[in-house]
C-alpha atoms as a PDB file:
ATOM      1  CA  MET A   1      -6.046  22.435   0.230  1.00  0.00           C
ATOM      2  CA  ALA A   2      -2.972  22.246   2.489  1.00  0.00           C
ATOM      3  CA  ASP A   3      -1.859  24.411   5.380  1.00  0.00           C
ATOM      4  CA  ASN A   4       1.603  26.011   5.381  1.00  0.00           C
ATOM      5  CA  ARG A   5       3.236  23.160   7.291  1.00  0.00           C
ATOM      6  CA  GLU A   6       1.816  20.592   4.878  1.00  0.00           C
ATOM      7  CA  ARG A   7       2.950  22.690   1.907  1.00  0.00           C
ATOM      8  CA  VAL A   8       6.505  22.705   3.247  1.00  0.00           C
ATOM      9  CA  GLN A   9       6.392  18.953   3.822  1.00  0.00           C
ATOM     10  CA  ILE A  10       5.046  18.354   0.310  1.00  0.00           C
ATOM     11  CA  LYS A  11       7.680  20.624  -1.218  1.00  0.00           C
ATOM     12  CA  LEU A  12      10.455  18.808   0.667  1.00  0.00           C
ATOM     13  CA  ALA A  13       9.063  15.417  -0.329  1.00  0.00           C
ATOM     14  CA  MET A  14       8.886  16.528  -3.995  1.00  0.00           C
ATOM     15  CA  GLN A  15      12.510  17.674  -3.795  1.00  0.00           C
ATOM     16  CA  GLU A  16      13.431  14.302  -2.295  1.00  0.00           C
ATOM     17  CA  LEU A  17      11.500  12.489  -5.036  1.00  0.00           C
ATOM     18  CA  ALA A  18      13.334  14.521  -7.690  1.00  0.00           C
ATOM     19  CA  LYS A  19      16.719  13.617  -6.175  1.00  0.00           C
ATOM     20  CA  CYS A  20      15.997   9.967  -5.450  1.00  0.00           C
ATOM     21  CA  PRO A  21      12.656   8.590  -6.648  1.00  0.00           C
ATOM     22  CA  THR A  22      11.942   5.705  -4.287  1.00  0.00           C
ATOM     23  CA  ALA A  23       8.757   3.812  -3.507  1.00  0.00           C
ATOM     24  CA  GLU A  24       8.799   5.296   0.002  1.00  0.00           C
ATOM     25  CA  THR A  25       9.053   8.908  -1.148  1.00  0.00           C
ATOM     26  CA  TYR A  26       6.414   8.382  -3.825  1.00  0.00           C
ATOM     27  CA  ALA A  27       4.145   6.605  -1.304  1.00  0.00           C
ATOM     28  CA  ARG A  28       4.448   9.488   1.166  1.00  0.00           C
ATOM     29  CA  LEU A  29       3.323  11.990  -1.458  1.00  0.00           C
ATOM     30  CA  ARG A  30       0.706   9.629  -2.858  1.00  0.00           C
ATOM     31  CA  SER A  31      -0.845   9.124   0.565  1.00  0.00           C
ATOM     32  CA  TRP A  32      -1.284  12.860   0.942  1.00  0.00           C
ATOM     33  CA  PHE A  33      -2.949  13.174  -2.468  1.00  0.00           C
ATOM     34  CA  VAL A  34      -5.420  10.347  -1.979  1.00  0.00           C
ATOM     35  CA  THR A  35      -6.759  12.024   1.167  1.00  0.00           C
ATOM     36  CA  CYS A  36      -6.975  15.461  -0.441  1.00  0.00           C
ATOM     37  CA  PRO A  37     -10.558  16.450  -1.349  1.00  0.00           C
ATOM     38  CA  ALA A  38      -9.325  18.038  -4.611  1.00  0.00           C
ATOM     39  CA  TYR A  39      -7.844  14.736  -5.824  1.00  0.00           C
ATOM     40  CA  ASP A  40      -9.700  13.622  -8.940  1.00  0.00           C
ATOM     41  CA  PRO A  41      -7.914  10.940 -10.972  1.00  0.00           C
ATOM     42  CA  TYR A  42     -10.144  11.430 -14.008  1.00  0.00           C
ATOM     43  CA  ARG A  43      -9.985  15.198 -14.448  1.00  0.00           C
ATOM     44  CA  GLU A  44     -10.097  16.446 -18.008  1.00  0.00           C
ATOM     45  CA  GLU A  45      -7.422  19.058 -17.313  1.00  0.00           C
ATOM     46  CA  LEU A  46      -4.618  17.106 -18.961  1.00  0.00           C
ATOM     47  CA  ARG A  47      -6.580  16.677 -22.199  1.00  0.00           C
ATOM     48  CA  ASP A  48      -7.608  20.337 -22.097  1.00  0.00           C
ATOM     49  CA  LEU A  49      -3.970  21.390 -21.620  1.00  0.00           C
ATOM     50  CA  GLU A  50      -2.846  19.148 -24.473  1.00  0.00           C
ATOM     51  CA  ARG A  51      -5.466  20.729 -26.759  1.00  0.00           C
ATOM     52  CA  LEU A  52      -4.341  24.252 -25.842  1.00  0.00           C
ATOM     53  CA  ILE A  53      -0.732  23.365 -26.620  1.00  0.00           C
ATOM     54  CA  GLU A  54      -1.706  21.609 -29.882  1.00  0.00           C
ATOM     55  CA  VAL A  55      -3.485  24.717 -31.172  1.00  0.00           C
ATOM     56  CA  GLY A  56      -0.580  26.930 -30.082  1.00  0.00           C
ATOM     57  CA  ASN A  57      -2.378  28.766 -27.294  1.00  0.00           C
ATOM     58  CA  VAL A  58       0.672  28.719 -25.025  1.00  0.00           C
ATOM     59  CA  ALA A  59      -0.467  31.670 -22.883  1.00  0.00           C
ATOM     60  CA  ALA A  60      -3.745  29.942 -21.976  1.00  0.00           C
ATOM     61  CA  ALA A  61      -1.912  26.673 -21.369  1.00  0.00           C
ATOM     62  CA  ALA A  62       0.576  28.413 -19.061  1.00  0.00           C
ATOM     63  CA  GLN A  63      -2.247  30.038 -17.113  1.00  0.00           C
ATOM     64  CA  ALA A  64      -4.162  26.756 -16.838  1.00  0.00           C
ATOM     65  CA  LEU A  65      -1.015  24.927 -15.711  1.00  0.00           C
ATOM     66  CA  ASP A  66      -0.405  27.458 -12.952  1.00  0.00           C
ATOM     67  CA  GLY A  67      -3.787  26.572 -11.513  1.00  0.00           C
ATOM     68  CA  ALA A  68      -3.540  22.829 -12.144  1.00  0.00           C
ATOM     69  CA  LEU A  69      -0.028  21.807 -11.096  1.00  0.00           C
ATOM     70  CA  ALA A  70      -0.830  21.738  -7.381  1.00  0.00           C
ATOM     71  CA  ARG A  71      -3.632  19.215  -8.060  1.00  0.00           C
ATOM     72  CA  LEU A  72      -1.488  17.268 -10.529  1.00  0.00           C
ATOM     73  CA  LEU A  73       1.819  17.402  -8.687  1.00  0.00           C
ATOM     74  CA  LEU A  74       2.549  13.677  -9.137  1.00  0.00           C
ATOM     75  CA  SER A  75       1.315  13.513 -12.729  1.00  0.00           C
ATOM     76  CA  PRO A  76       4.207  12.890 -15.123  1.00  0.00           C
ATOM     77  CA  ARG A  77       2.120  14.209 -18.016  1.00  0.00           C
ATOM     78  CA  ALA A  78       1.349  17.489 -16.237  1.00  0.00           C
ATOM     79  CA  HIS A  79       5.069  18.131 -15.782  1.00  0.00           C
ATOM     80  CA  GLU A  80       5.839  17.180 -19.395  1.00  0.00           C
ATOM     81  CA  LEU A  81       3.169  19.631 -20.537  1.00  0.00           C
ATOM     82  CA  ALA A  82       4.675  22.284 -18.255  1.00  0.00           C
ATOM     83  CA  ALA A  83       8.060  21.545 -19.842  1.00  0.00           C
ATOM     84  CA  GLN A  84       6.577  22.003 -23.323  1.00  0.00           C
ATOM     85  CA  VAL A  85       5.047  25.334 -22.346  1.00  0.00           C
ATOM     86  CA  ALA A  86       8.317  26.485 -20.770  1.00  0.00           C
ATOM     87  CA  ARG A  87      10.261  25.537 -23.916  1.00  0.00           C
ATOM     88  CA  SER A  88       7.725  27.430 -26.034  1.00  0.00           C
ATOM     89  CA  THR A  89       8.282  30.559 -23.979  1.00  0.00           C
ATOM     90  CA  GLY A  90      12.064  30.185 -23.989  1.00  0.00           C
ATOM     91  CA  ASP A  91      12.360  29.270 -20.306  1.00  0.00           C
ATOM     92  CA  THR A  92      14.831  26.420 -20.772  1.00  0.00           C
ATOM     93  CA  GLN A  93      15.671  26.154 -17.059  1.00  0.00           C
ATOM     94  CA  ARG A  94      12.043  25.573 -16.110  1.00  0.00           C
ATOM     95  CA  ALA A  95      11.626  23.196 -19.048  1.00  0.00           C
ATOM     96  CA  GLU A  96      14.538  21.098 -17.798  1.00  0.00           C
ATOM     97  CA  ARG A  97      13.270  21.191 -14.208  1.00  0.00           C
ATOM     98  CA  GLU A  98       9.753  20.113 -15.270  1.00  0.00           C
ATOM     99  CA  HIS A  99      11.165  17.341 -17.463  1.00  0.00           C
ATOM    100  CA  ARG A 100      13.264  16.057 -14.520  1.00  0.00           C
ATOM    101  CA  THR A 101      10.176  16.189 -12.288  1.00  0.00           C
ATOM    102  CA  ALA A 102       8.130  14.246 -14.847  1.00  0.00           C
ATOM    103  CA  ARG A 103      10.859  11.621 -15.014  1.00  0.00           C
ATOM    104  CA  ALA A 104      11.030  11.441 -11.200  1.00  0.00           C
ATOM    105  CA  CYS A 105       7.260  10.934 -11.039  1.00  0.00           C
ATOM    106  CA  VAL A 106       7.462   8.026 -13.504  1.00  0.00           C
ATOM    107  CA  GLU A 107      10.438   6.547 -11.647  1.00  0.00           C
ATOM    108  CA  GLY A 108       8.465   6.888  -8.401  1.00  0.00           C
ATOM    109  CA  ILE A 109       5.614   4.917  -9.962  1.00  0.00           C
ATOM    110  CA  LEU A 110       8.060   2.306 -11.279  1.00  0.00           C
ATOM    111  CA  ALA A 111       9.525   1.940  -7.781  1.00  0.00           C
ATOM    112  CA  THR A 112       6.124   0.838  -6.420  1.00  0.00           C
ATOM    113  CA  GLY A 113       6.225  -2.550  -8.143  1.00  0.00           C
ATOM    114  CA  ASP A 114       7.562  -4.489 -11.080  1.00  0.00           C
ATOM    115  CA  GLY A 115       4.513  -4.306 -13.349  1.00  0.00           C
ATOM    116  CA  SER A 116       3.497  -7.913 -12.721  1.00  0.00           C
ATOM    117  CA  ARG A 117       0.098  -9.036 -11.485  1.00  0.00           C
ATOM    118  CA  ASP A 118       1.630  -9.771  -8.070  1.00  0.00           C
ATOM    119  CA  GLN A 119       3.477  -6.425  -7.849  1.00  0.00           C
ATOM    120  CA  PRO A 120       1.610  -3.963 -10.061  1.00  0.00           C
ATOM    121  CA  TYR A 121       2.645  -0.329 -10.454  1.00  0.00           C
ATOM    122  CA  GLN A 122       0.545   1.975  -8.277  1.00  0.00           C
ATOM    123  CA  VAL A 123      -0.885   4.962 -10.117  1.00  0.00           C
ATOM    124  CA  LEU A 124      -2.765   8.064  -9.054  1.00  0.00           C
ATOM    125  CA  TYR A 125      -4.190   9.317 -12.336  1.00  0.00           C
ATOM    126  CA  ALA A 126      -5.713   7.513 -15.285  1.00  0.00           C
ATOM    127  CA  ALA A 127      -3.058   9.021 -17.586  1.00  0.00           C
ATOM    128  CA  ASP A 128      -0.193   7.597 -15.491  1.00  0.00           C
ATOM    129  CA  GLU A 129      -0.506   4.211 -17.162  1.00  0.00           C
ATOM    130  CA  GLN A 130       0.162   5.707 -20.597  1.00  0.00           C
ATOM    131  CA  ASP A 131       3.023   7.794 -19.199  1.00  0.00           C
ATOM    132  CA  VAL A 132       4.703   4.709 -17.724  1.00  0.00           C
ATOM    133  CA  LEU A 133       4.286   2.732 -20.946  1.00  0.00           C
ATOM    134  CA  ARG A 134       5.715   5.623 -22.975  1.00  0.00           C
ATOM    135  CA  PHE A 135       8.675   5.905 -20.572  1.00  0.00           C
ATOM    136  CA  LEU A 136       9.346   2.162 -20.930  1.00  0.00           C
ATOM    137  CA  GLY A 137       9.078   2.421 -24.718  1.00  0.00           C
ATOM    138  CA  LEU A 138       6.052   0.115 -24.814  1.00  0.00           C
ATOM    139  CA  PRO A 139       2.950   0.590 -26.969  1.00  0.00           C
ATOM    140  CA  GLN A 140      -0.513   1.092 -25.520  1.00  0.00           C
ATOM    141  CA  GLY A 141      -2.193  -2.283 -25.950  1.00  0.00           C
ATOM    142  CA  SER A 142      -5.518  -3.792 -25.044  1.00  0.00           C
ATOM    143  CA  GLN A 143      -6.631  -3.012 -21.525  1.00  0.00           C
ATOM    144  CA  HIS A 144      -8.663  -5.136 -19.126  1.00  0.00           C
ATOM    145  CA  LEU A 145      -9.827  -4.304 -15.606  1.00  0.00           C
ATOM    146  CA  HIS A 146      -9.585  -7.160 -13.085  1.00  0.00           C
ATOM    147  CA  HIS A 147     -11.120  -7.228  -9.609  1.00  0.00           C
ATOM    148  CA  VAL A 148      -8.863  -9.302  -7.355  1.00  0.00           C
ATOM    149  CA  GLY A 149     -10.140  -9.295  -3.792  1.00  0.00           C
ATOM    150  CA  ASP A 150     -10.166  -5.654  -2.706  1.00  0.00           C
ATOM    151  CA  LEU A 151      -7.834  -4.623  -5.535  1.00  0.00           C
ATOM    152  CA  HIS A 152      -8.693  -3.245  -8.945  1.00  0.00           C
ATOM    153  CA  LEU A 153      -5.941  -4.002 -11.444  1.00  0.00           C
ATOM    154  CA  ASP A 154      -5.529  -2.844 -15.026  1.00  0.00           C
ATOM    155  CA  GLN A 155      -3.817  -5.359 -17.276  1.00  0.00           C
ATOM    156  CA  ILE A 156      -2.384  -3.875 -20.444  1.00  0.00           C
ATOM    157  CA  LYS A 157      -1.216  -6.327 -23.079  1.00  0.00           C
ATOM    158  CA  VAL A 158       1.532  -4.508 -24.956  1.00  0.00           C
ATOM    159  CA  ALA A 159       2.662  -7.411 -27.166  1.00  0.00           C
ATOM    160  CA  VAL A 160       2.085 -11.131 -27.522  1.00  0.00           C
ATOM    161  CA  GLY A 161       2.910 -12.591 -24.128  1.00  0.00           C
ATOM    162  CA  VAL A 162       3.914  -9.198 -22.657  1.00  0.00           C
ATOM    163  CA  GLU A 163       1.657  -7.463 -20.180  1.00  0.00           C
ATOM    164  CA  VAL A 164       1.992  -4.669 -17.658  1.00  0.00           C
ATOM    165  CA  TRP A 165      -0.180  -4.497 -14.550  1.00  0.00           C
ATOM    166  CA  PHE A 166      -1.275  -1.369 -12.686  1.00  0.00           C
ATOM    167  CA  ASP A 167      -2.988  -1.092  -9.319  1.00  0.00           C
ATOM    168  CA  VAL A 168      -5.841   1.341  -9.966  1.00  0.00           C
ATOM    169  CA  THR A 169      -7.688   0.690  -6.716  1.00  0.00           C
ATOM    170  CA  VAL A 170      -7.365   4.259  -5.445  1.00  0.00           C
ATOM    171  CA  PRO A 171      -8.415   5.993  -8.680  1.00  0.00           C
ATOM    172  CA  TYR A 172     -11.149   3.394  -9.211  1.00  0.00           C
ATOM    173  CA  HIS A 173     -12.757   4.230  -5.879  1.00  0.00           C
ATOM    174  CA  ARG A 174     -12.555   7.962  -6.573  1.00  0.00           C
ATOM    175  CA  GLN A 175     -14.086   7.835 -10.046  1.00  0.00           C
ATOM    176  CA  THR A 176     -17.630   8.595  -8.953  1.00  0.00           C
ATOM    177  CA  PRO A 177     -18.427  10.439  -5.736  1.00  0.00           C
ATOM    178  CA  ALA A 178     -20.797   8.578  -3.430  1.00  0.00           C
ATOM    179  CA  SER A 179     -23.348  11.398  -3.593  1.00  0.00           C
ATOM    180  CA  VAL A 180     -23.584  11.013  -7.385  1.00  0.00           C
ATOM    181  CA  LEU A 181     -24.074   7.266  -6.994  1.00  0.00           C
ATOM    182  CA  GLU A 182     -26.827   7.864  -4.459  1.00  0.00           C
ATOM    183  CA  GLN A 183     -28.556  10.283  -6.834  1.00  0.00           C
ATOM    184  CA  LEU A 184     -28.328   7.745  -9.664  1.00  0.00           C
ATOM    185  CA  GLU A 185     -29.726   4.990  -7.458  1.00  0.00           C
ATOM    186  CA  ASP A 186     -32.617   7.244  -6.379  1.00  0.00           C
ATOM    187  CA  ALA A 187     -33.371   8.130  -9.994  1.00  0.00           C
ATOM    188  CA  LEU A 188     -33.349   4.477 -11.077  1.00  0.00           C
ATOM    189  CA  ARG A 189     -35.603   3.189  -8.289  1.00  0.00           C
ATOM    190  CA  ASP A 190     -39.028   2.094  -9.457  1.00  0.00           C
ATOM    191  CA  PRO A 191     -41.708   4.362  -7.993  1.00  0.00           C
ATOM    192  CA  GLU A 192     -44.200   1.987  -6.360  1.00  0.00           C
END
C-alpha cells in the first residue's frame, strides 16, 4: 500500500485534518487515496461492519475494522463504526477520537464545495453522501446522476426545492475495473 515515508505523511495529514479540516488538507489525502490500487469506493465492508455491530458481534467488528480502516481512512462512516465498537468495549478515549475523526472527515468533504451544482461536495466513497446529509440533518431524498462534461454529479433532492450536489466523478470511474468491462464486452460480442 504505502511505504514508510508515505505512511508518515498520511498520518501527519490526518492529524492536520483532525485539527483543521480544510479543503486543501482533505484534497491532499484524497489525492493519495484515488491513486492507491486498494481504493474501492463501492466496497461492501461498511455494510458488513454495520451488520456485525447490529447483531452484537463486537469482537468480529473490531477485527474487521482493524483491517479496513487503512483503506477507509477518509470514510466518516468507518470512523463512526469504530467509535461504536470502542464504546461497546469501554474504550471511551478511542470512541471520542474516532468520533472526532469522523466529524473531521465530513467537515473536510464540506470544505470542498457548497453542495450546489456549480460547487458540489467531492466524495470518495458511495456512503459519504449519506454521511454528509446525516451530518447536515437532511433526509436522504431522491437521487439522480447527471453527466456534465467530464463530471459525474449526484443530485439529491432532500425536500421540495432543496437539493444537494455531490461530485462523484472519481468513484464513478472506479466502480468497474477496465479488465471487467473488457471481459463483459468480449462476452457480449456476437460470434460471427
